[in-house]
Amino acid sequence: MKIFDTLNTAKASVTVIDVRAGLMSSALASLRDI
């Protein structure tokens, strides 16, 4: 929520997410689920 609920209100126009090793597939699955 801290990342994605603030996309439209953050001063920054670009959000970079550095995904730790072993979490890439599960992170993308989470993005699908939300």
Full PDB file with SEQRES, HELIX, SHEET, SSBOND, CRYST1, ORIGX, SCALE, CONECT and MASTER records, all heavy atoms in Angstrom:
SEQRES   1 A   34  MET LYS ILE PHE ASP THR LEU ASN THR ALA LYS ALA SER          
SEQRES   2 A   34  VAL THR VAL ILE ASP VAL ARG ALA GLY LEU MET SER SER          
SEQRES   3 A   34  ALA LEU ALA SER LEU ARG ASP ILE                              
HELIX    1 AA1 MET A   24  ASP A   33  1                                  10    
CRYST1    1.000    1.000    1.000  90.00  90.00  90.00 P 1           1          
ORIGX1      1.000000  0.000000  0.000000        0.00000                         
ORIGX2      0.000000  1.000000  0.000000        0.00000                         
ORIGX3      0.000000  0.000000  1.000000        0.00000                         
SCALE1      1.000000  0.000000  0.000000        0.00000                         
SCALE2      0.000000  1.000000  0.000000        0.00000                         
SCALE3      0.000000  0.000000  1.000000        0.00000                         
ATOM      1  N   MET A   1       0.832  -1.204   0.000  1.00  0.00           N  
ATOM      2  CA  MET A   1       0.000   0.000   0.000  1.00  0.00           C  
ATOM      3  C   MET A   1       0.867   1.254   0.000  1.00  0.00           C  
ATOM      4  O   MET A   1       0.555   2.253  -0.656  1.00  0.00           O  
ATOM      5  CB  MET A   1      -0.929  -0.017   1.217  1.00  0.00           C  
ATOM      6  CG  MET A   1      -2.013  -1.087   1.161  1.00  0.00           C  
ATOM      7  SD  MET A   1      -2.854  -1.332   2.743  1.00  0.00           S  
ATOM      8  CE  MET A   1      -3.667   0.263   2.919  1.00  0.00           C  
ATOM      9  N   LYS A   2       1.973   1.194   0.739  1.00  0.00           N  
ATOM     10  CA  LYS A   2       2.883   2.338   0.825  1.00  0.00           C  
ATOM     11  C   LYS A   2       3.439   2.696  -0.555  1.00  0.00           C  
ATOM     12  O   LYS A   2       3.643   3.869  -0.878  1.00  0.00           O  
ATOM     13  CB  LYS A   2       4.035   1.992   1.780  1.00  0.00           C  
ATOM     14  CG  LYS A   2       4.911   3.153   2.160  1.00  0.00           C  
ATOM     15  CD  LYS A   2       6.012   2.712   3.119  1.00  0.00           C  
ATOM     16  CE  LYS A   2       5.447   2.226   4.440  1.00  0.00           C  
ATOM     17  NZ  LYS A   2       6.541   1.880   5.397  1.00  0.00           N  
ATOM     18  N   ILE A   3       3.644   1.675  -1.368  1.00  0.00           N  
ATOM     19  CA  ILE A   3       4.182   1.904  -2.718  1.00  0.00           C  
ATOM     20  C   ILE A   3       3.086   2.322  -3.692  1.00  0.00           C  
ATOM     21  O   ILE A   3       3.187   3.367  -4.354  1.00  0.00           O  
ATOM     22  CB  ILE A   3       4.869   0.628  -3.254  1.00  0.00           C  
ATOM     23  CG1 ILE A   3       6.020   0.196  -2.358  1.00  0.00           C  
ATOM     24  CG2 ILE A   3       5.378   0.867  -4.683  1.00  0.00           C  
ATOM     25  CD1 ILE A   3       6.569  -1.189  -2.696  1.00  0.00           C  
ATOM     26  N   PHE A   4       2.041   1.526  -3.785  1.00  0.00           N  
ATOM     27  CA  PHE A   4       1.096   1.661  -4.896  1.00  0.00           C  
ATOM     28  C   PHE A   4      -0.077   2.590  -4.611  1.00  0.00           C  
ATOM     29  O   PHE A   4      -0.649   3.156  -5.544  1.00  0.00           O  
ATOM     30  CB  PHE A   4       0.617   0.277  -5.330  1.00  0.00           C  
ATOM     31  CG  PHE A   4       1.737  -0.603  -5.806  1.00  0.00           C  
ATOM     32  CD1 PHE A   4       2.196  -1.648  -5.018  1.00  0.00           C  
ATOM     33  CD2 PHE A   4       2.368  -0.360  -7.007  1.00  0.00           C  
ATOM     34  CE1 PHE A   4       3.252  -2.445  -5.439  1.00  0.00           C  
ATOM     35  CE2 PHE A   4       3.429  -1.144  -7.441  1.00  0.00           C  
ATOM     36  CZ  PHE A   4       3.872  -2.187  -6.653  1.00  0.00           C  
ATOM     37  N   ASP A   5      -0.435   2.758  -3.346  1.00  0.00           N  
ATOM     38  CA  ASP A   5      -1.518   3.692  -3.040  1.00  0.00           C  
ATOM     39  C   ASP A   5      -1.082   5.146  -3.172  1.00  0.00           C  
ATOM     40  O   ASP A   5      -1.924   6.046  -3.168  1.00  0.00           O  
ATOM     41  CB  ASP A   5      -2.045   3.452  -1.615  1.00  0.00           C  
ATOM     42  CG  ASP A   5      -2.921   2.206  -1.522  1.00  0.00           C  
ATOM     43  OD1 ASP A   5      -3.093   1.541  -2.563  1.00  0.00           O  
ATOM     44  OD2 ASP A   5      -3.412   1.893  -0.421  1.00  0.00           O  
ATOM     45  N   THR A   6       0.222   5.353  -3.287  1.00  0.00           N  
ATOM     46  CA  THR A   6       0.751   6.722  -3.351  1.00  0.00           C  
ATOM     47  C   THR A   6       1.232   7.123  -4.746  1.00  0.00           C  
ATOM     48  O   THR A   6       1.793   8.207  -4.919  1.00  0.00           O  
ATOM     49  CB  THR A   6       1.925   6.883  -2.362  1.00  0.00           C  
ATOM     50  OG1 THR A   6       2.946   5.917  -2.685  1.00  0.00           O  
ATOM     51  CG2 THR A   6       1.470   6.655  -0.930  1.00  0.00           C  
ATOM     52  N   LEU A   7       0.999   6.275  -5.728  1.00  0.00           N  
ATOM     53  CA  LEU A   7       1.531   6.547  -7.076  1.00  0.00           C  
ATOM     54  C   LEU A   7       1.025   7.879  -7.636  1.00  0.00           C  
ATOM     55  O   LEU A   7       1.774   8.622  -8.286  1.00  0.00           O  
ATOM     56  CB  LEU A   7       1.156   5.413  -8.038  1.00  0.00           C  
ATOM     57  CG  LEU A   7       1.918   4.097  -7.869  1.00  0.00           C  
ATOM     58  CD1 LEU A   7       1.397   3.061  -8.860  1.00  0.00           C  
ATOM     59  CD2 LEU A   7       3.416   4.297  -8.057  1.00  0.00           C  
ATOM     60  N   ASN A   8      -0.242   8.180  -7.403  1.00  0.00           N  
ATOM     61  CA  ASN A   8      -0.819   9.401  -7.985  1.00  0.00           C  
ATOM     62  C   ASN A   8      -0.611  10.641  -7.132  1.00  0.00           C  
ATOM     63  O   ASN A   8      -0.871  11.757  -7.589  1.00  0.00           O  
ATOM     64  CB  ASN A   8      -2.318   9.197  -8.230  1.00  0.00           C  
ATOM     65  CG  ASN A   8      -2.589   8.254  -9.392  1.00  0.00           C  
ATOM     66  OD1 ASN A   8      -2.081   8.441 -10.491  1.00  0.00           O  
ATOM     67  ND2 ASN A   8      -3.370   7.214  -9.137  1.00  0.00           N  
ATOM     68  N   THR A   9      -0.149  10.448  -5.902  1.00  0.00           N  
ATOM     69  CA  THR A   9       0.033  11.602  -5.015  1.00  0.00           C  
ATOM     70  C   THR A   9       1.496  11.921  -4.744  1.00  0.00           C  
ATOM     71  O   THR A   9       1.805  12.996  -4.227  1.00  0.00           O  
ATOM     72  CB  THR A   9      -0.668  11.352  -3.665  1.00  0.00           C  
ATOM     73  OG1 THR A   9      -0.164  10.145  -3.074  1.00  0.00           O  
ATOM     74  CG2 THR A   9      -2.176  11.226  -3.853  1.00  0.00           C  
ATOM     75  N   ALA A  10       2.395  11.014  -5.088  1.00  0.00           N  
ATOM     76  CA  ALA A  10       3.818  11.250  -4.838  1.00  0.00           C  
ATOM     77  C   ALA A  10       4.340  12.380  -5.719  1.00  0.00           C  
ATOM     78  O   ALA A  10       3.894  12.572  -6.855  1.00  0.00           O  
ATOM     79  CB  ALA A  10       4.613   9.974  -5.106  1.00  0.00           C  
ATOM     80  N   LYS A  11       5.297  13.124  -5.183  1.00  0.00           N  
ATOM     81  CA  LYS A  11       5.920  14.199  -5.966  1.00  0.00           C  
ATOM     82  C   LYS A  11       6.740  13.628  -7.117  1.00  0.00           C  
ATOM     83  O   LYS A  11       6.884  14.259  -8.159  1.00  0.00           O  
ATOM     84  CB  LYS A  11       6.801  15.058  -5.059  1.00  0.00           C  
ATOM     85  CG  LYS A  11       6.029  15.861  -4.020  1.00  0.00           C  
ATOM     86  CD  LYS A  11       6.969  16.691  -3.166  1.00  0.00           C  
ATOM     87  CE  LYS A  11       6.186  17.497  -2.128  1.00  0.00           C  
ATOM     88  NZ  LYS A  11       7.085  18.285  -1.251  1.00  0.00           N  
ATOM     89  N   ALA A  12       7.285  12.451  -6.918  1.00  0.00           N  
ATOM     90  CA  ALA A  12       8.075  11.802  -7.959  1.00  0.00           C  
ATOM     91  C   ALA A  12       7.164  11.217  -9.025  1.00  0.00           C  
ATOM     92  O   ALA A  12       6.129  10.622  -8.726  1.00  0.00           O  
ATOM     93  CB  ALA A  12       8.938  10.703  -7.355  1.00  0.00           C  
ATOM     94  N   SER A  13       7.531  11.402 -10.284  1.00  0.00           N  
ATOM     95  CA  SER A  13       6.733  10.852 -11.383  1.00  0.00           C  
ATOM     96  C   SER A  13       7.133   9.421 -11.718  1.00  0.00           C  
ATOM     97  O   SER A  13       6.395   8.706 -12.401  1.00  0.00           O  
ATOM     98  CB  SER A  13       6.881  11.729 -12.633  1.00  0.00           C  
ATOM     99  OG  SER A  13       8.243  11.881 -12.992  1.00  0.00           O  
ATOM    100  N   VAL A  14       8.312   8.996 -11.234  1.00  0.00           N  
ATOM    101  CA  VAL A  14       8.798   7.643 -11.502  1.00  0.00           C  
ATOM    102  C   VAL A  14       9.095   6.943 -10.184  1.00  0.00           C  
ATOM    103  O   VAL A  14       9.713   7.525  -9.280  1.00  0.00           O  
ATOM    104  CB  VAL A  14      10.075   7.663 -12.373  1.00  0.00           C  
ATOM    105  CG1 VAL A  14      10.568   6.240 -12.624  1.00  0.00           C  
ATOM    106  CG2 VAL A  14       9.817   8.371 -13.694  1.00  0.00           C  
ATOM    107  N   THR A  15       8.652   5.696 -10.068  1.00  0.00           N  
ATOM    108  CA  THR A  15       8.930   4.860  -8.906  1.00  0.00           C  
ATOM    109  C   THR A  15       9.768   3.674  -9.355  1.00  0.00           C  
ATOM    110  O   THR A  15       9.358   2.920 -10.239  1.00  0.00           O  
ATOM    111  CB  THR A  15       7.623   4.348  -8.267  1.00  0.00           C  
ATOM    112  OG1 THR A  15       6.863   5.461  -7.775  1.00  0.00           O  
ATOM    113  CG2 THR A  15       7.913   3.391  -7.120  1.00  0.00           C  
ATOM    114  N   VAL A  16      10.955   3.530  -8.780  1.00  0.00           N  
ATOM    115  CA  VAL A  16      11.838   2.402  -9.086  1.00  0.00           C  
ATOM    116  C   VAL A  16      11.786   1.428  -7.920  1.00  0.00           C  
ATOM    117  O   VAL A  16      11.990   1.813  -6.761  1.00  0.00           O  
ATOM    118  CB  VAL A  16      13.295   2.874  -9.314  1.00  0.00           C  
ATOM    119  CG1 VAL A  16      14.224   1.669  -9.508  1.00  0.00           C  
ATOM    120  CG2 VAL A  16      13.372   3.797 -10.521  1.00  0.00           C  
ATOM    121  N   ILE A  17      11.492   0.161  -8.210  1.00  0.00           N  
ATOM    122  CA  ILE A  17      11.435  -0.868  -7.175  1.00  0.00           C  
ATOM    123  C   ILE A  17      12.558  -1.869  -7.419  1.00  0.00           C  
ATOM    124  O   ILE A  17      12.582  -2.566  -8.438  1.00  0.00           O  
ATOM    125  CB  ILE A  17      10.076  -1.600  -7.181  1.00  0.00           C  
ATOM    126  CG1 ILE A  17       8.929  -0.600  -7.021  1.00  0.00           C  
ATOM    127  CG2 ILE A  17      10.036  -2.636  -6.059  1.00  0.00           C  
ATOM    128  CD1 ILE A  17       7.550  -1.233  -7.172  1.00  0.00           C  
ATOM    129  N   ASP A  18      13.496  -1.906  -6.494  1.00  0.00           N  
ATOM    130  CA  ASP A  18      14.626  -2.840  -6.577  1.00  0.00           C  
ATOM    131  C   ASP A  18      14.223  -4.105  -5.826  1.00  0.00           C  
ATOM    132  O   ASP A  18      14.157  -4.124  -4.598  1.00  0.00           O  
ATOM    133  CB  ASP A  18      15.860  -2.187  -5.946  1.00  0.00           C  
ATOM    134  CG  ASP A  18      17.100  -3.053  -6.057  1.00  0.00           C  
ATOM    135  OD1 ASP A  18      17.134  -3.910  -6.955  1.00  0.00           O  
ATOM    136  OD2 ASP A  18      18.033  -2.877  -5.241  1.00  0.00           O  
ATOM    137  N   VAL A  19      13.907  -5.154  -6.584  1.00  0.00           N  
ATOM    138  CA  VAL A  19      13.378  -6.392  -6.002  1.00  0.00           C  
ATOM    139  C   VAL A  19      14.525  -7.321  -5.617  1.00  0.00           C  
ATOM    140  O   VAL A  19      15.377  -7.640  -6.446  1.00  0.00           O  
ATOM    141  CB  VAL A  19      12.436  -7.096  -6.997  1.00  0.00           C  
ATOM    142  CG1 VAL A  19      11.912  -8.400  -6.401  1.00  0.00           C  
ATOM    143  CG2 VAL A  19      11.273  -6.178  -7.370  1.00  0.00           C  
ATOM    144  N   ARG A  20      14.523  -7.743  -4.363  1.00  0.00           N  
ATOM    145  CA  ARG A  20      15.629  -8.580  -3.900  1.00  0.00           C  
ATOM    146  C   ARG A  20      15.617  -9.950  -4.583  1.00  0.00           C  
ATOM    147  O   ARG A  20      14.583 -10.401  -5.113  1.00  0.00           O  
ATOM    148  CB  ARG A  20      15.575  -8.737  -2.388  1.00  0.00           C  
ATOM    149  CG  ARG A  20      14.439  -9.575  -1.852  1.00  0.00           C  
ATOM    150  CD  ARG A  20      14.627  -9.838  -0.353  1.00  0.00           C  
ATOM    151  NE  ARG A  20      13.477 -10.471   0.253  1.00  0.00           N  
ATOM    152  CZ  ARG A  20      13.201 -11.766   0.176  1.00  0.00           C  
ATOM    153  NH1 ARG A  20      13.984 -12.553  -0.514  1.00  0.00           N  
ATOM    154  NH2 ARG A  20      12.130 -12.260   0.784  1.00  0.00           N  
ATOM    155  N   ALA A  21      16.774 -10.606  -4.545  1.00  0.00           N  
ATOM    156  CA  ALA A  21      16.935 -11.908  -5.192  1.00  0.00           C  
ATOM    157  C   ALA A  21      15.908 -12.906  -4.661  1.00  0.00           C  
ATOM    158  O   ALA A  21      15.614 -12.941  -3.473  1.00  0.00           O  
ATOM    159  CB  ALA A  21      18.344 -12.435  -4.940  1.00  0.00           C  
ATOM    160  N   GLY A  22      15.349 -13.686  -5.575  1.00  0.00           N  
ATOM    161  CA  GLY A  22      14.393 -14.714  -5.214  1.00  0.00           C  
ATOM    162  C   GLY A  22      12.963 -14.244  -5.109  1.00  0.00           C  
ATOM    163  O   GLY A  22      12.063 -15.054  -4.871  1.00  0.00           O  
ATOM    164  N   LEU A  23      12.745 -12.942  -5.299  1.00  0.00           N  
ATOM    165  CA  LEU A  23      11.410 -12.387  -5.083  1.00  0.00           C  
ATOM    166  C   LEU A  23      10.752 -11.903  -6.374  1.00  0.00           C  
ATOM    167  O   LEU A  23       9.608 -11.476  -6.360  1.00  0.00           O  
ATOM    168  CB  LEU A  23      11.498 -11.227  -4.086  1.00  0.00           C  
ATOM    169  CG  LEU A  23      10.212 -10.775  -3.399  1.00  0.00           C  
ATOM    170  CD1 LEU A  23       9.631 -11.905  -2.562  1.00  0.00           C  
ATOM    171  CD2 LEU A  23      10.472  -9.556  -2.518  1.00  0.00           C  
ATOM    172  N   MET A  24      11.453 -12.005  -7.487  1.00  0.00           N  
ATOM    173  CA  MET A  24      10.955 -11.429  -8.738  1.00  0.00           C  
ATOM    174  C   MET A  24       9.597 -12.020  -9.143  1.00  0.00           C  
ATOM    175  O   MET A  24       8.622 -11.293  -9.358  1.00  0.00           O  
ATOM    176  CB  MET A  24      11.976 -11.654  -9.852  1.00  0.00           C  
ATOM    177  CG  MET A  24      11.560 -11.127 -11.203  1.00  0.00           C  
ATOM    178  SD  MET A  24      11.656  -9.330 -11.289  1.00  0.00           S  
ATOM    179  CE  MET A  24      11.830  -9.116 -13.058  1.00  0.00           C  
ATOM    180  N   SER A  25       9.514 -13.330  -9.247  1.00  0.00           N  
ATOM    181  CA  SER A  25       8.273 -13.963  -9.702  1.00  0.00           C  
ATOM    182  C   SER A  25       7.124 -13.706  -8.738  1.00  0.00           C  
ATOM    183  O   SER A  25       6.005 -13.395  -9.148  1.00  0.00           O  
ATOM    184  CB  SER A  25       8.477 -15.473  -9.879  1.00  0.00           C  
ATOM    185  OG  SER A  25       9.436 -15.732 -10.881  1.00  0.00           O  
ATOM    186  N   SER A  26       7.390 -13.830  -7.437  1.00  0.00           N  
ATOM    187  CA  SER A  26       6.328 -13.617  -6.450  1.00  0.00           C  
ATOM    188  C   SER A  26       5.903 -12.152  -6.408  1.00  0.00           C  
ATOM    189  O   SER A  26       4.725 -11.845  -6.194  1.00  0.00           O  
ATOM    190  CB  SER A  26       6.780 -14.083  -5.063  1.00  0.00           C  
ATOM    191  OG  SER A  26       7.929 -13.387  -4.638  1.00  0.00           O  
ATOM    192  N   ALA A  27       6.847 -11.236  -6.637  1.00  0.00           N  
ATOM    193  CA  ALA A  27       6.499  -9.810  -6.669  1.00  0.00           C  
ATOM    194  C   ALA A  27       5.575  -9.510  -7.837  1.00  0.00           C  
ATOM    195  O   ALA A  27       4.585  -8.775  -7.702  1.00  0.00           O  
ATOM    196  CB  ALA A  27       7.761  -8.956  -6.758  1.00  0.00           C  
ATOM    197  N   LEU A  28       5.880 -10.079  -9.003  1.00  0.00           N  
ATOM    198  CA  LEU A  28       5.034  -9.869 -10.176  1.00  0.00           C  
ATOM    199  C   LEU A  28       3.657 -10.505  -9.970  1.00  0.00           C  
ATOM    200  O   LEU A  28       2.639  -9.956 -10.402  1.00  0.00           O  
ATOM    201  CB  LEU A  28       5.708 -10.438 -11.423  1.00  0.00           C  
ATOM    202  CG  LEU A  28       6.968  -9.691 -11.882  1.00  0.00           C  
ATOM    203  CD1 LEU A  28       7.652 -10.447 -13.013  1.00  0.00           C  
ATOM    204  CD2 LEU A  28       6.634  -8.276 -12.324  1.00  0.00           C  
ATOM    205  N   ALA A  29       3.638 -11.652  -9.296  1.00  0.00           N  
ATOM    206  CA  ALA A  29       2.349 -12.289  -8.991  1.00  0.00           C  
ATOM    207  C   ALA A  29       1.515 -11.392  -8.071  1.00  0.00           C  
ATOM    208  O   ALA A  29       0.295 -11.282  -8.233  1.00  0.00           O  
ATOM    209  CB  ALA A  29       2.578 -13.655  -8.345  1.00  0.00           C  
ATOM    210  N   SER A  30       2.180 -10.739  -7.122  1.00  0.00           N  
ATOM    211  CA  SER A  30       1.470  -9.808  -6.230  1.00  0.00           C  
ATOM    212  C   SER A  30       0.901  -8.633  -7.015  1.00  0.00           C  
ATOM    213  O   SER A  30      -0.228  -8.190  -6.763  1.00  0.00           O  
ATOM    214  CB  SER A  30       2.413  -9.294  -5.141  1.00  0.00           C  
ATOM    215  OG  SER A  30       2.826 -10.331  -4.285  1.00  0.00           O  
ATOM    216  N   LEU A  31       1.672  -8.137  -7.978  1.00  0.00           N  
ATOM    217  CA  LEU A  31       1.186  -7.030  -8.809  1.00  0.00           C  
ATOM    218  C   LEU A  31      -0.038  -7.451  -9.621  1.00  0.00           C  
ATOM    219  O   LEU A  31      -0.954  -6.658  -9.835  1.00  0.00           O  
ATOM    220  CB  LEU A  31       2.295  -6.542  -9.740  1.00  0.00           C  
ATOM    221  CG  LEU A  31       3.524  -5.916  -9.088  1.00  0.00           C  
ATOM    222  CD1 LEU A  31       4.457  -5.360 -10.147  1.00  0.00           C  
ATOM    223  CD2 LEU A  31       3.135  -4.822  -8.109  1.00  0.00           C  
ATOM    224  N   ARG A  32      -0.048  -8.695 -10.034  1.00  0.00           N  
ATOM    225  CA  ARG A  32      -1.235  -9.213 -10.733  1.00  0.00           C  
ATOM    226  C   ARG A  32      -2.428  -9.276  -9.783  1.00  0.00           C  
ATOM    227  O   ARG A  32      -3.537  -8.851 -10.125  1.00  0.00           O  
ATOM    228  CB  ARG A  32      -0.922 -10.615 -11.279  1.00  0.00           C  
ATOM    229  CG  ARG A  32      -2.115 -11.315 -11.932  1.00  0.00           C  
ATOM    230  CD  ARG A  32      -1.862 -12.816 -12.020  1.00  0.00           C  
ATOM    231  NE  ARG A  32      -1.670 -13.395 -10.696  1.00  0.00           N  
ATOM    232  CZ  ARG A  32      -0.991 -14.524 -10.468  1.00  0.00           C  
ATOM    233  NH1 ARG A  32      -0.446 -15.204 -11.452  1.00  0.00           N  
ATOM    234  NH2 ARG A  32      -0.867 -14.993  -9.228  1.00  0.00           N  
ATOM    235  N   ASP A  33      -2.191  -9.780  -8.578  1.00  0.00           N  
ATOM    236  CA  ASP A  33      -3.280 -10.002  -7.626  1.00  0.00           C  
ATOM    237  C   ASP A  33      -3.923  -8.693  -7.156  1.00  0.00           C  
ATOM    238  O   ASP A  33      -5.127  -8.668  -6.851  1.00  0.00           O  
ATOM    239  CB  ASP A  33      -2.771 -10.783  -6.413  1.00  0.00           C  
ATOM    240  CG  ASP A  33      -2.347 -12.200  -6.780  1.00  0.00           C  
ATOM    241  OD1 ASP A  33      -2.703 -12.664  -7.882  1.00  0.00           O  
ATOM    242  OD2 ASP A  33      -1.638 -12.835  -5.967  1.00  0.00           O  
ATOM    243  N   ILE A  34      -3.157  -7.609  -7.089  1.00  0.00           N  
ATOM    244  CA  ILE A  34      -3.734  -6.341  -6.614  1.00  0.00           C  
ATOM    245  C   ILE A  34      -4.331  -5.516  -7.758  1.00  0.00           C  
ATOM    246  O   ILE A  34      -4.845  -4.420  -7.542  1.00  0.00           O  
ATOM    247  CB  ILE A  34      -2.702  -5.491  -5.855  1.00  0.00           C  
ATOM    248  CG1 ILE A  34      -1.575  -5.022  -6.798  1.00  0.00           C  
ATOM    249  CG2 ILE A  34      -2.140  -6.247  -4.663  1.00  0.00           C  
ATOM    250  CD1 ILE A  34      -0.595  -4.056  -6.133  1.00  0.00           C  
TER     251      ILE A  34                                                      
MASTER        0    0    0    1    0    0    0    6  250    1    0    3          
END                                                                             
